[in-house]
């Protein structure tokens, strides 16, 4: 069988209004995340799949992110198989932070990548 390569992008290619789908767990999200991102932990993903399809229903591309790119690659592959326009973010939140892109927390404390 031939499988298409997994679509992926560099953090610099994510538009400011892009739909970032963060699949990290709750403690990782709490430490720091992309403002406006949709948080659906990989462990809850199948149960909350409807939320994801609603968010991308407007013809938006989902930029799937985890800490370094492994979990998000699995989720991206699943989404693409379901016909969703999704791309894996190379390097995940570590690359996002390394590129100096902004992060926030829900409680106002300094954001960091856990």
Protein backbone atom coordinates (compact mmCIF):
# COMPACT_ATOMS: atom_id res chain seq x y z
CA UNK A 1 0.00 0.00 0.00
CA UNK A 2 1.08 3.53 -0.67
CA UNK A 3 0.32 6.09 2.00
CA UNK A 4 0.43 9.78 1.29
CA UNK A 5 2.94 11.63 3.44
CA UNK A 6 1.44 13.27 6.49
CA UNK A 7 0.73 16.93 5.76
CA UNK A 8 2.78 19.13 8.07
CA UNK A 9 3.76 22.77 8.48
CA UNK A 10 6.33 24.84 10.31
CA UNK A 11 5.04 27.03 13.16
CA UNK A 12 5.88 30.13 11.11
CA UNK A 13 3.30 29.05 8.49
CA UNK A 14 0.36 29.11 10.93
CA UNK A 15 -1.74 32.22 10.29
CA UNK A 16 -2.64 34.42 13.25
CA UNK A 17 -6.30 33.45 12.83
CA UNK A 18 -5.54 29.77 12.19
CA UNK A 19 -7.45 27.08 14.06
CA UNK A 20 -4.89 25.48 16.37
CA UNK A 21 -6.04 22.13 17.74
CA UNK A 22 -4.04 21.32 20.89
CA UNK A 23 -4.14 17.60 21.73
CA UNK A 24 -1.94 17.77 24.86
CA UNK A 25 -3.22 16.71 28.26
CA UNK A 26 -4.79 19.12 30.77
CA UNK A 27 -1.61 19.77 32.80
CA UNK A 28 0.34 20.62 29.63
CA UNK A 29 -2.45 22.97 28.46
CA UNK A 30 -2.56 24.68 31.86
CA UNK A 31 1.19 25.44 31.74
CA UNK A 32 0.85 27.37 28.48
CA UNK A 33 -1.03 27.27 25.19
CA UNK A 34 -1.78 29.19 22.02
CA UNK A 35 -4.45 31.82 22.66
CA UNK A 36 -7.74 30.83 21.02
CA UNK A 37 -6.66 27.22 20.46
CA UNK A 38 -9.20 24.40 20.69
CA UNK A 39 -8.10 22.02 23.45
CA UNK A 40 -9.10 18.40 22.90
CA UNK A 41 -6.68 16.06 24.71
CA UNK A 42 -5.71 13.02 22.66
CA UNK A 43 -7.11 10.81 25.44
CA UNK A 44 -10.56 12.41 24.92
CA UNK A 45 -10.31 12.81 21.16
CA UNK A 46 -12.68 10.13 19.91
CA UNK A 47 -15.36 11.11 22.46
CA UNK A 48 -15.06 14.79 21.50
CA UNK A 49 -14.61 14.35 17.74
CA UNK A 50 -17.85 16.26 17.09
CA UNK A 51 -16.35 19.43 18.60
CA UNK A 52 -13.46 19.20 16.18
CA UNK A 53 -15.64 18.67 13.11
CA UNK A 54 -17.80 21.63 14.16
CA UNK A 55 -14.73 23.85 14.46
CA UNK A 56 -13.43 22.90 11.01
CA UNK A 57 -16.88 22.86 9.37
CA UNK A 58 -16.44 26.41 8.11
CA UNK A 59 -13.83 25.15 5.66
CA UNK A 60 -11.02 25.91 8.07
CA UNK A 61 -7.79 23.97 8.25
CA UNK A 62 -6.90 22.46 11.62
CA UNK A 63 -3.28 22.97 12.73
CA UNK A 64 -2.78 20.04 15.09
CA UNK A 65 -0.24 20.52 17.87
CA UNK A 66 1.17 18.64 20.86
CA UNK A 67 4.48 19.07 22.71
CA UNK A 68 6.85 17.89 19.95
CA UNK A 69 4.72 16.41 17.17
CA UNK A 70 4.19 12.70 17.90
CA UNK A 71 0.67 12.72 19.33
CA UNK A 72 -0.44 15.42 16.92
CA UNK A 73 0.84 13.33 13.99
CA UNK A 74 -1.44 10.47 15.06
CA UNK A 75 -4.42 12.79 15.41
CA UNK A 76 -3.66 14.49 12.09
CA UNK A 77 -3.54 11.11 10.36
CA UNK A 78 -6.92 10.21 11.86
CA UNK A 79 -8.47 13.55 10.85
CA UNK A 80 -7.18 13.30 7.28
CA UNK A 81 -8.63 9.79 7.03
CA UNK A 82 -12.00 11.28 8.08
CA UNK A 83 -11.76 13.87 5.30
CA UNK A 84 -10.82 16.79 7.57
CA UNK A 85 -8.34 19.40 6.29
CA UNK A 86 -5.68 18.97 8.99
CA UNK A 87 -1.92 19.42 9.16
CA UNK A 88 0.59 18.43 11.81
CA UNK A 89 2.66 21.23 13.34
CA UNK A 90 6.34 20.27 13.09
CA UNK A 91 8.01 20.54 16.49
CA UNK A 92 4.77 21.29 18.34
CA UNK A 93 4.66 23.68 21.27
CA UNK A 94 8.44 23.49 21.74
CA UNK A 95 8.89 24.89 18.22
CA UNK A 96 6.11 27.45 18.82
CA UNK A 97 7.85 28.68 21.98
CA UNK A 98 11.26 28.55 20.29
CA UNK A 99 9.96 30.75 17.47
CA UNK A 100 8.89 33.34 20.05
CA UNK A 101 5.20 32.99 19.25
CA UNK A 102 2.89 34.07 22.09
CA UNK A 103 1.50 31.72 24.70
CA UNK A 104 -1.06 32.27 27.43
CA UNK A 105 -2.40 30.56 30.55
CA UNK A 106 -5.95 30.55 31.84
CA UNK A 107 -4.89 31.94 35.23
CA UNK A 108 -2.55 34.72 34.07
CA UNK A 109 0.66 33.08 35.32
CA UNK A 110 3.73 33.04 33.03
CA UNK A 111 3.28 30.52 30.22
CA UNK A 112 5.77 27.73 29.52
CA UNK A 113 5.86 24.42 27.68
CA UNK A 114 5.47 21.43 30.01
